[in-house]
Amino acid sequence: MVLIQLTGLSGAGKTTLAQRAKVQLEKHGYAVDVLDADVLRQKLWPELTYSAAHRQENIRRLAFLGHLLCRRNVVVFLAAINPYEATRAEVAAQYPGTQTVYVCCDLPTLIERDTKGLYARALLPDNHPNKLANLTGVNDPYEPPLHPDLTLYTARQTEAQSTEQLVTYLLTVLP
């Protein structure tokens, strides 16, 4: 069916929106699955680190799993930070029909939300023992998509509004 790359910083709402959209699309008769990069990385390939090369490999593997599901007529949400434009473009080129949705949220809002405590750790002094040195968007790069198919501004919209915008868009591109 269709692979949907939900990309954005940690805490922007990728997995939440994917789960909410899944429920709505299932009401329209679609089979839907959500591939959560955090969960699958831990369960399937814990050997991957957070180096640039391993982040890219993680996305390649997730996209391949998504592709396998798509071949079985499943709409697949790939909820992952997916920080590099080249990797997102590679996925879109390898799996035609892939949709890229940028889940955009400003850093001050993410720091305020900080549901996992990651931003607090990333903002600690460099010599602090609990310092998180590789948080995407703070001290590791994130390249916003150059030409996303859809952008959701989750700092300005409620979850319901973002979900409605996402589902409305997807219903125009799904068969």
N, C-alpha and C. Protein backbone atom coordinates (compact mmCIF):
# COMPACT_ATOMS: atom_id res chain seq x y z
N MET A 1 0.86 -1.18 0.00
CA MET A 1 0.00 0.00 0.00
C MET A 1 0.90 1.23 0.00
N VAL A 2 1.06 1.93 1.15
CA VAL A 2 1.85 3.16 1.18
C VAL A 2 2.70 3.20 2.44
N LEU A 3 3.96 3.62 2.27
CA LEU A 3 4.88 3.84 3.39
C LEU A 3 4.90 5.33 3.68
N ILE A 4 4.67 5.68 4.94
CA ILE A 4 4.63 7.09 5.35
C ILE A 4 5.76 7.33 6.34
N GLN A 5 6.74 8.13 5.92
CA GLN A 5 7.85 8.49 6.81
C GLN A 5 7.40 9.68 7.66
N LEU A 6 7.22 9.47 8.95
CA LEU A 6 6.96 10.58 9.87
C LEU A 6 8.31 10.95 10.47
N THR A 7 8.82 12.12 10.13
CA THR A 7 10.13 12.56 10.59
C THR A 7 9.99 13.82 11.44
N GLY A 8 10.84 13.93 12.45
CA GLY A 8 10.83 15.10 13.32
C GLY A 8 11.63 14.79 14.57
N LEU A 9 11.85 15.80 15.37
CA LEU A 9 12.66 15.65 16.57
C LEU A 9 11.94 14.81 17.63
N SER A 10 12.71 14.34 18.60
CA SER A 10 12.16 13.55 19.69
C SER A 10 11.12 14.38 20.44
N GLY A 11 9.95 13.79 20.64
CA GLY A 11 8.88 14.47 21.36
C GLY A 11 7.97 15.32 20.49
N ALA A 12 8.21 15.35 19.19
CA ALA A 12 7.39 16.18 18.30
C ALA A 12 5.98 15.62 18.11
N GLY A 13 5.82 14.30 18.32
CA GLY A 13 4.50 13.69 18.21
C GLY A 13 4.36 12.65 17.12
N LYS A 14 5.46 12.15 16.61
CA LYS A 14 5.43 11.20 15.49
C LYS A 14 4.63 9.94 15.82
N THR A 15 4.99 9.27 16.89
CA THR A 15 4.32 8.02 17.25
C THR A 15 2.88 8.27 17.67
N THR A 16 2.66 9.31 18.44
CA THR A 16 1.29 9.65 18.87
C THR A 16 0.39 9.87 17.67
N LEU A 17 0.86 10.66 16.71
CA LEU A 17 0.04 10.93 15.52
C LEU A 17 -0.16 9.68 14.68
N ALA A 18 0.87 8.86 14.58
CA ALA A 18 0.75 7.61 13.82
C ALA A 18 -0.32 6.72 14.44
N GLN A 19 -0.30 6.59 15.76
CA GLN A 19 -1.29 5.74 16.44
C GLN A 19 -2.70 6.29 16.28
N ARG A 20 -2.84 7.60 16.39
CA ARG A 20 -4.16 8.22 16.23
C ARG A 20 -4.66 8.09 14.79
N ALA A 21 -3.77 8.31 13.83
CA ALA A 21 -4.16 8.19 12.42
C ALA A 21 -4.50 6.75 12.07
N LYS A 22 -3.79 5.82 12.68
CA LYS A 22 -4.06 4.39 12.46
C LYS A 22 -5.52 4.08 12.78
N VAL A 23 -5.99 4.53 13.92
CA VAL A 23 -7.37 4.29 14.33
C VAL A 23 -8.35 4.87 13.30
N GLN A 24 -8.08 6.08 12.85
CA GLN A 24 -8.97 6.73 11.89
C GLN A 24 -8.97 6.02 10.53
N LEU A 25 -7.79 5.65 10.06
CA LEU A 25 -7.70 4.98 8.76
C LEU A 25 -8.34 3.59 8.80
N GLU A 26 -8.22 2.92 9.93
CA GLU A 26 -8.87 1.60 10.06
C GLU A 26 -10.39 1.75 9.96
N LYS A 27 -10.93 2.86 10.44
CA LYS A 27 -12.37 3.11 10.31
C LYS A 27 -12.77 3.27 8.84
N HIS A 28 -11.81 3.64 7.99
CA HIS A 28 -12.06 3.77 6.55
C HIS A 28 -11.76 2.46 5.82
N GLY A 29 -11.47 1.40 6.57
CA GLY A 29 -11.27 0.09 5.97
C GLY A 29 -9.84 -0.27 5.61
N TYR A 30 -8.88 0.54 5.99
CA TYR A 30 -7.47 0.25 5.68
C TYR A 30 -6.84 -0.60 6.77
N ALA A 31 -5.96 -1.50 6.35
CA ALA A 31 -5.08 -2.20 7.29
C ALA A 31 -3.89 -1.28 7.52
N VAL A 32 -3.55 -1.03 8.79
CA VAL A 32 -2.52 -0.05 9.12
C VAL A 32 -1.61 -0.61 10.20
N ASP A 33 -0.32 -0.30 10.08
CA ASP A 33 0.63 -0.67 11.14
C ASP A 33 1.55 0.51 11.39
N VAL A 34 2.07 0.57 12.61
CA VAL A 34 3.00 1.63 13.01
C VAL A 34 4.32 0.97 13.37
N LEU A 35 5.38 1.39 12.69
CA LEU A 35 6.73 0.94 13.03
C LEU A 35 7.39 2.05 13.83
N ASP A 36 7.53 1.83 15.13
CA ASP A 36 8.13 2.82 16.03
C ASP A 36 9.62 2.54 16.11
N ALA A 37 10.42 3.46 15.62
CA ALA A 37 11.87 3.27 15.54
C ALA A 37 12.49 2.98 16.90
N ASP A 38 12.02 3.65 17.95
CA ASP A 38 12.59 3.43 19.29
C ASP A 38 12.40 1.98 19.73
N VAL A 39 11.20 1.47 19.56
CA VAL A 39 10.88 0.11 20.00
C VAL A 39 11.61 -0.92 19.15
N LEU A 40 11.54 -0.78 17.83
CA LEU A 40 12.13 -1.79 16.95
C LEU A 40 13.66 -1.81 17.04
N ARG A 41 14.28 -0.66 17.23
CA ARG A 41 15.73 -0.61 17.39
C ARG A 41 16.15 -1.46 18.59
N GLN A 42 15.45 -1.31 19.70
CA GLN A 42 15.79 -2.06 20.92
C GLN A 42 15.53 -3.55 20.75
N LYS A 43 14.42 -3.90 20.10
CA LYS A 43 14.01 -5.31 20.00
C LYS A 43 14.74 -6.08 18.91
N LEU A 44 14.95 -5.46 17.75
CA LEU A 44 15.46 -6.19 16.60
C LEU A 44 16.94 -6.02 16.32
N TRP A 45 17.48 -4.85 16.58
CA TRP A 45 18.91 -4.64 16.31
C TRP A 45 19.52 -3.72 17.36
N PRO A 46 19.64 -4.24 18.59
CA PRO A 46 20.21 -3.43 19.68
C PRO A 46 21.69 -3.13 19.49
N GLU A 47 22.34 -3.79 18.54
CA GLU A 47 23.76 -3.55 18.29
C GLU A 47 24.02 -2.20 17.63
N LEU A 48 22.98 -1.59 17.07
CA LEU A 48 23.16 -0.29 16.41
C LEU A 48 23.35 0.81 17.46
N THR A 49 24.32 1.67 17.20
CA THR A 49 24.57 2.82 18.07
C THR A 49 23.82 4.02 17.50
N TYR A 50 24.17 5.20 17.99
CA TYR A 50 23.56 6.42 17.47
C TYR A 50 24.53 7.21 16.60
N SER A 51 25.48 6.52 16.01
CA SER A 51 26.36 7.16 15.04
C SER A 51 25.54 7.47 13.78
N ALA A 52 26.04 8.37 12.95
CA ALA A 52 25.33 8.71 11.72
C ALA A 52 25.12 7.47 10.85
N ALA A 53 26.14 6.65 10.71
CA ALA A 53 26.02 5.45 9.87
C ALA A 53 24.97 4.49 10.42
N HIS A 54 24.94 4.31 11.74
CA HIS A 54 23.97 3.40 12.33
C HIS A 54 22.56 3.98 12.30
N ARG A 55 22.43 5.29 12.44
CA ARG A 55 21.11 5.91 12.32
C ARG A 55 20.55 5.65 10.91
N GLN A 56 21.41 5.79 9.90
CA GLN A 56 20.98 5.55 8.53
C GLN A 56 20.62 4.09 8.31
N GLU A 57 21.41 3.19 8.87
CA GLU A 57 21.13 1.76 8.73
C GLU A 57 19.81 1.40 9.41
N ASN A 58 19.55 1.98 10.56
CA ASN A 58 18.29 1.76 11.26
C ASN A 58 17.11 2.12 10.36
N ILE A 59 17.19 3.26 9.69
CA ILE A 59 16.10 3.69 8.81
C ILE A 59 15.98 2.76 7.61
N ARG A 60 17.09 2.34 7.04
CA ARG A 60 17.04 1.41 5.90
C ARG A 60 16.32 0.12 6.29
N ARG A 61 16.65 -0.41 7.46
CA ARG A 61 16.02 -1.65 7.92
C ARG A 61 14.53 -1.45 8.18
N LEU A 62 14.20 -0.36 8.85
CA LEU A 62 12.79 -0.07 9.12
C LEU A 62 12.00 0.10 7.82
N ALA A 63 12.58 0.81 6.87
CA ALA A 63 11.91 1.02 5.59
C ALA A 63 11.70 -0.30 4.86
N PHE A 64 12.67 -1.19 4.93
CA PHE A 64 12.51 -2.50 4.29
C PHE A 64 11.37 -3.27 4.94
N LEU A 65 11.30 -3.26 6.28
CA LEU A 65 10.19 -3.92 6.97
C LEU A 65 8.86 -3.30 6.54
N GLY A 66 8.84 -1.97 6.48
CA GLY A 66 7.64 -1.28 6.04
C GLY A 66 7.24 -1.67 4.63
N HIS A 67 8.23 -1.78 3.76
CA HIS A 67 7.98 -2.18 2.38
C HIS A 67 7.35 -3.57 2.32
N LEU A 68 7.85 -4.49 3.13
CA LEU A 68 7.28 -5.84 3.15
C LEU A 68 5.80 -5.80 3.54
N LEU A 69 5.48 -4.98 4.52
CA LEU A 69 4.08 -4.84 4.93
C LEU A 69 3.25 -4.17 3.83
N CYS A 70 3.81 -3.17 3.19
CA CYS A 70 3.10 -2.47 2.10
C CYS A 70 2.74 -3.44 0.98
N ARG A 71 3.63 -4.39 0.71
CA ARG A 71 3.36 -5.38 -0.34
C ARG A 71 2.15 -6.24 0.01
N ARG A 72 1.77 -6.25 1.28
CA ARG A 72 0.60 -7.01 1.75
C ARG A 72 -0.60 -6.08 1.95
N ASN A 73 -0.57 -4.93 1.28
CA ASN A 73 -1.67 -3.95 1.32
C ASN A 73 -1.90 -3.32 2.69
N VAL A 74 -0.80 -3.10 3.41
CA VAL A 74 -0.87 -2.43 4.70
C VAL A 74 -0.34 -1.00 4.53
N VAL A 75 -1.05 -0.04 5.10
CA VAL A 75 -0.55 1.33 5.20
C VAL A 75 0.42 1.33 6.38
N VAL A 76 1.64 1.78 6.14
CA VAL A 76 2.67 1.70 7.18
C VAL A 76 3.18 3.09 7.55
N PHE A 77 3.10 3.39 8.84
CA PHE A 77 3.71 4.60 9.39
C PHE A 77 5.08 4.22 9.93
N LEU A 78 6.10 4.89 9.46
CA LEU A 78 7.46 4.74 9.98
C LEU A 78 7.72 5.96 10.85
N ALA A 79 7.57 5.80 12.16
CA ALA A 79 7.74 6.89 13.11
C ALA A 79 9.18 6.88 13.61
N ALA A 80 9.98 7.78 13.06
CA ALA A 80 11.41 7.81 13.37
C ALA A 80 11.93 9.23 13.22
N ILE A 81 12.90 9.60 14.05
CA ILE A 81 13.52 10.91 13.90
C ILE A 81 14.03 11.06 12.48
N ASN A 82 14.73 10.05 11.98
CA ASN A 82 15.18 10.01 10.59
C ASN A 82 15.82 11.35 10.21
N PRO A 83 16.98 11.68 10.80
CA PRO A 83 17.50 13.05 10.76
C PRO A 83 18.13 13.52 9.45
N TYR A 84 18.38 12.61 8.51
CA TYR A 84 19.16 13.01 7.33
C TYR A 84 18.30 13.02 6.07
N GLU A 85 18.34 14.13 5.37
CA GLU A 85 17.57 14.27 4.13
C GLU A 85 17.95 13.20 3.11
N ALA A 86 19.24 12.89 3.01
CA ALA A 86 19.68 11.89 2.03
C ALA A 86 19.07 10.53 2.31
N THR A 87 18.94 10.16 3.57
CA THR A 87 18.35 8.87 3.91
C THR A 87 16.86 8.85 3.59
N ARG A 88 16.18 9.94 3.91
CA ARG A 88 14.75 10.02 3.57
C ARG A 88 14.56 9.94 2.06
N ALA A 89 15.41 10.63 1.31
CA ALA A 89 15.32 10.60 -0.16
C ALA A 89 15.63 9.20 -0.69
N GLU A 90 16.58 8.53 -0.07
CA GLU A 90 16.92 7.16 -0.47
C GLU A 90 15.71 6.24 -0.29
N VAL A 91 15.04 6.36 0.84
CA VAL A 91 13.85 5.54 1.10
C VAL A 91 12.77 5.84 0.06
N ALA A 92 12.53 7.11 -0.19
CA ALA A 92 11.49 7.49 -1.16
C ALA A 92 11.82 6.99 -2.56
N ALA A 93 13.11 7.00 -2.92
CA ALA A 93 13.52 6.52 -4.25
C ALA A 93 13.41 5.01 -4.34
N GLN A 94 13.77 4.33 -3.27
CA GLN A 94 13.76 2.87 -3.28
C GLN A 94 12.34 2.31 -3.23
N TYR A 95 11.44 3.02 -2.56
CA TYR A 95 10.06 2.55 -2.40
C TYR A 95 9.11 3.62 -2.94
N PRO A 96 8.87 3.60 -4.25
CA PRO A 96 8.01 4.62 -4.88
C PRO A 96 6.65 4.71 -4.19
N GLY A 97 6.15 5.92 -4.12
CA GLY A 97 4.87 6.16 -3.46
C GLY A 97 5.02 6.53 -1.99
N THR A 98 6.25 6.43 -1.47
CA THR A 98 6.49 6.81 -0.08
C THR A 98 6.11 8.26 0.14
N GLN A 99 5.44 8.52 1.23
CA GLN A 99 5.06 9.88 1.62
C GLN A 99 5.95 10.33 2.78
N THR A 100 6.42 11.56 2.73
CA THR A 100 7.23 12.11 3.81
C THR A 100 6.43 13.19 4.52
N VAL A 101 6.22 12.98 5.81
CA VAL A 101 5.47 13.93 6.63
C VAL A 101 6.41 14.47 7.70
N TYR A 102 6.60 15.77 7.69
CA TYR A 102 7.45 16.45 8.65
C TYR A 102 6.61 16.84 9.86
N VAL A 103 6.91 16.24 11.00
CA VAL A 103 6.24 16.57 12.25
C VAL A 103 7.12 17.62 12.93
N CYS A 104 6.76 18.87 12.72
CA CYS A 104 7.60 20.01 13.09
C CYS A 104 7.18 20.56 14.45
N CYS A 105 8.16 20.72 15.32
CA CYS A 105 7.91 21.32 16.63
C CYS A 105 9.16 22.08 17.05
N ASP A 106 8.98 23.30 17.53
CA ASP A 106 10.13 24.12 17.89
C ASP A 106 10.80 23.59 19.17
N LEU A 107 12.09 23.87 19.28
CA LEU A 107 12.89 23.36 20.39
C LEU A 107 12.37 23.82 21.76
N PRO A 108 11.99 25.08 21.97
CA PRO A 108 11.47 25.46 23.29
C PRO A 108 10.25 24.62 23.71
N THR A 109 9.36 24.32 22.79
CA THR A 109 8.20 23.48 23.11
C THR A 109 8.64 22.07 23.45
N LEU A 110 9.59 21.53 22.70
CA LEU A 110 10.09 20.18 22.98
C LEU A 110 10.77 20.12 24.34
N ILE A 111 11.53 21.15 24.67
CA ILE A 111 12.20 21.19 25.98
C ILE A 111 11.15 21.26 27.09
N GLU A 112 10.08 22.00 26.85
CA GLU A 112 9.00 22.10 27.84
C GLU A 112 8.29 20.76 28.00
N ARG A 113 8.03 20.06 26.90
CA ARG A 113 7.35 18.75 26.95
C ARG A 113 8.26 17.71 27.59
N ASP A 114 9.41 17.51 27.01
CA ASP A 114 10.47 16.60 27.46
C ASP A 114 9.97 15.36 28.19
N THR A 115 9.07 14.61 27.56
CA THR A 115 8.44 13.45 28.19
C THR A 115 9.43 12.36 28.58
N LYS A 116 10.56 12.28 27.89
CA LYS A 116 11.56 11.23 28.18
C LYS A 116 12.74 11.77 28.99
N GLY A 117 12.77 13.06 29.28
CA GLY A 117 13.89 13.64 30.02
C GLY A 117 15.15 13.80 29.19
N LEU A 118 15.04 13.65 27.89
CA LEU A 118 16.23 13.69 27.02
C LEU A 118 16.79 15.10 26.88
N TYR A 119 15.91 16.07 26.74
CA TYR A 119 16.39 17.44 26.53
C TYR A 119 17.08 17.97 27.79
N ALA A 120 16.55 17.64 28.95
CA ALA A 120 17.19 18.06 30.20
C ALA A 120 18.61 17.50 30.27
N ARG A 121 18.78 16.25 29.89
CA ARG A 121 20.11 15.62 29.92
C ARG A 121 21.04 16.20 28.86
N ALA A 122 20.50 16.51 27.69
CA ALA A 122 21.33 17.07 26.61
C ALA A 122 21.81 18.48 26.94
N LEU A 123 21.05 19.19 27.76
CA LEU A 123 21.40 20.57 28.10
C LEU A 123 22.25 20.69 29.36
N LEU A 124 22.62 19.55 29.96
CA LEU A 124 23.51 19.57 31.12
C LEU A 124 24.89 20.08 30.71
N PRO A 125 25.68 20.57 31.66
CA PRO A 125 27.06 20.99 31.32
C PRO A 125 27.85 19.83 30.73
N ASP A 126 28.79 20.16 29.87
CA ASP A 126 29.56 19.13 29.15
C ASP A 126 30.25 18.14 30.07
N ASN A 127 30.66 18.55 31.25
CA ASN A 127 31.39 17.65 32.15
C ASN A 127 30.48 16.87 33.09
N HIS A 128 29.17 17.03 32.96
CA HIS A 128 28.23 16.33 33.84
C HIS A 128 28.17 14.85 33.46
N PRO A 129 28.18 13.94 34.45
CA PRO A 129 28.19 12.50 34.14
C PRO A 129 26.92 12.00 33.44
N ASN A 130 25.81 12.71 33.57
CA ASN A 130 24.55 12.29 32.93
C ASN A 130 24.27 13.01 31.62
N LYS A 131 25.25 13.75 31.14
CA LYS A 131 25.10 14.52 29.89
C LYS A 131 24.80 13.58 28.72
N LEU A 132 23.77 13.90 27.96
CA LEU A 132 23.44 13.17 26.74
C LEU A 132 24.08 13.93 25.59
N ALA A 133 25.07 13.31 24.97
CA ALA A 133 25.91 14.02 24.00
C ALA A 133 25.46 13.89 22.55
N ASN A 134 24.40 13.13 22.29
CA ASN A 134 24.02 12.93 20.89
C ASN A 134 22.51 13.03 20.68
N LEU A 135 21.89 14.05 21.25
CA LEU A 135 20.46 14.23 21.04
C LEU A 135 20.22 15.03 19.77
N THR A 136 19.54 14.41 18.85
CA THR A 136 19.26 15.04 17.56
C THR A 136 18.51 16.35 17.78
N GLY A 137 19.01 17.39 17.13
CA GLY A 137 18.39 18.70 17.22
C GLY A 137 18.97 19.59 18.29
N VAL A 138 19.75 19.00 19.21
CA VAL A 138 20.39 19.80 20.26
C VAL A 138 21.89 19.78 20.05
N ASN A 139 22.48 18.59 20.14
CA ASN A 139 23.93 18.48 19.95
C ASN A 139 24.29 17.41 18.92
N ASP A 140 23.33 17.09 18.07
CA ASP A 140 23.52 16.20 16.93
C ASP A 140 22.61 16.75 15.82
N PRO A 141 23.02 16.68 14.57
CA PRO A 141 22.26 17.38 13.52
C PRO A 141 20.90 16.76 13.19
N TYR A 142 19.98 17.64 12.80
CA TYR A 142 18.71 17.24 12.19
C TYR A 142 18.52 18.12 10.97
N GLU A 143 18.31 17.48 9.83
CA GLU A 143 18.09 18.20 8.57
C GLU A 143 16.59 18.16 8.26
N PRO A 144 15.89 19.28 8.43
CA PRO A 144 14.46 19.27 8.09
C PRO A 144 14.27 18.87 6.63
N PRO A 145 13.17 18.19 6.32
CA PRO A 145 12.92 17.80 4.93
C PRO A 145 12.85 19.03 4.03
N LEU A 146 13.46 18.92 2.86
CA LEU A 146 13.44 20.03 1.91
C LEU A 146 12.09 20.17 1.23
N HIS A 147 11.47 19.04 0.91
CA HIS A 147 10.19 19.05 0.18
C HIS A 147 9.26 17.97 0.75
N PRO A 148 8.81 18.13 2.00
CA PRO A 148 7.90 17.11 2.54
C PRO A 148 6.56 17.14 1.80
N ASP A 149 5.90 16.02 1.81
CA ASP A 149 4.56 15.96 1.22
C ASP A 149 3.55 16.68 2.10
N LEU A 150 3.82 16.72 3.40
CA LEU A 150 2.94 17.39 4.36
C LEU A 150 3.79 17.81 5.55
N THR A 151 3.48 18.97 6.12
CA THR A 151 4.12 19.42 7.36
C THR A 151 3.04 19.64 8.40
N LEU A 152 3.25 19.05 9.57
CA LEU A 152 2.34 19.23 10.70
C LEU A 152 3.07 20.04 11.76
N TYR A 153 2.47 21.13 12.22
CA TYR A 153 3.09 22.01 13.22
C TYR A 153 2.48 21.69 14.59
N THR A 154 3.08 20.76 15.29
CA THR A 154 2.46 20.23 16.51
C THR A 154 2.55 21.16 17.71
N ALA A 155 3.36 22.20 17.65
CA ALA A 155 3.37 23.19 18.74
C ALA A 155 2.17 24.12 18.63
N ARG A 156 1.61 24.25 17.43
CA ARG A 156 0.49 25.18 17.19
C ARG A 156 -0.86 24.48 17.08
N GLN A 157 -0.84 23.16 16.96
CA GLN A 157 -2.08 22.41 16.78
C GLN A 157 -2.25 21.41 17.91
N THR A 158 -3.50 21.07 18.20
CA THR A 158 -3.76 19.99 19.14
C THR A 158 -3.46 18.66 18.44
N GLU A 159 -3.38 17.60 19.23
CA GLU A 159 -3.21 16.27 18.64
C GLU A 159 -4.35 15.97 17.68
N ALA A 160 -5.56 16.34 18.07
CA ALA A 160 -6.73 16.07 17.22
C ALA A 160 -6.63 16.83 15.90
N GLN A 161 -6.20 18.09 15.94
CA GLN A 161 -6.07 18.87 14.71
C GLN A 161 -4.99 18.31 13.79
N SER A 162 -3.85 17.95 14.37
CA SER A 162 -2.77 17.37 13.56
C SER A 162 -3.19 16.03 12.97
N THR A 163 -3.89 15.23 13.76
CA THR A 163 -4.36 13.93 13.27
C THR A 163 -5.34 14.13 12.12
N GLU A 164 -6.26 15.06 12.29
CA GLU A 164 -7.24 15.33 11.23
C GLU A 164 -6.55 15.79 9.95
N GLN A 165 -5.57 16.66 10.07
CA GLN A 165 -4.84 17.14 8.89
C GLN A 165 -4.11 15.98 8.21
N LEU A 166 -3.48 15.12 9.01
CA LEU A 166 -2.75 13.98 8.47
C LEU A 166 -3.69 13.01 7.75
N VAL A 167 -4.77 12.64 8.40
CA VAL A 167 -5.71 11.67 7.82
C VAL A 167 -6.37 12.25 6.57
N THR A 168 -6.76 13.51 6.62
CA THR A 168 -7.37 14.15 5.44
C THR A 168 -6.41 14.10 4.26
N TYR A 169 -5.15 14.41 4.51
CA TYR A 169 -4.15 14.34 3.43
C TYR A 169 -4.01 12.91 2.92
N LEU A 170 -3.85 11.96 3.82
CA LEU A 170 -3.61 10.58 3.40
C LEU A 170 -4.78 10.01 2.60
N LEU A 171 -5.98 10.40 2.94
CA LEU A 171 -7.13 9.91 2.18
C LEU A 171 -7.13 10.41 0.74
N THR A 172 -6.36 11.46 0.46
CA THR A 172 -6.24 11.94 -0.93
C THR A 172 -5.19 11.16 -1.71
N VAL A 173 -4.28 10.48 -1.03
CA VAL A 173 -3.21 9.76 -1.74
C VAL A 173 -3.34 8.25 -1.65
N LEU A 174 -4.17 7.76 -0.73
CA LEU A 174 -4.36 6.31 -0.63
C LEU A 174 -5.36 5.85 -1.68
N PRO A 175 -5.15 4.63 -2.19
CA PRO A 175 -6.10 4.11 -3.18
C PRO A 175 -7.46 3.80 -2.56
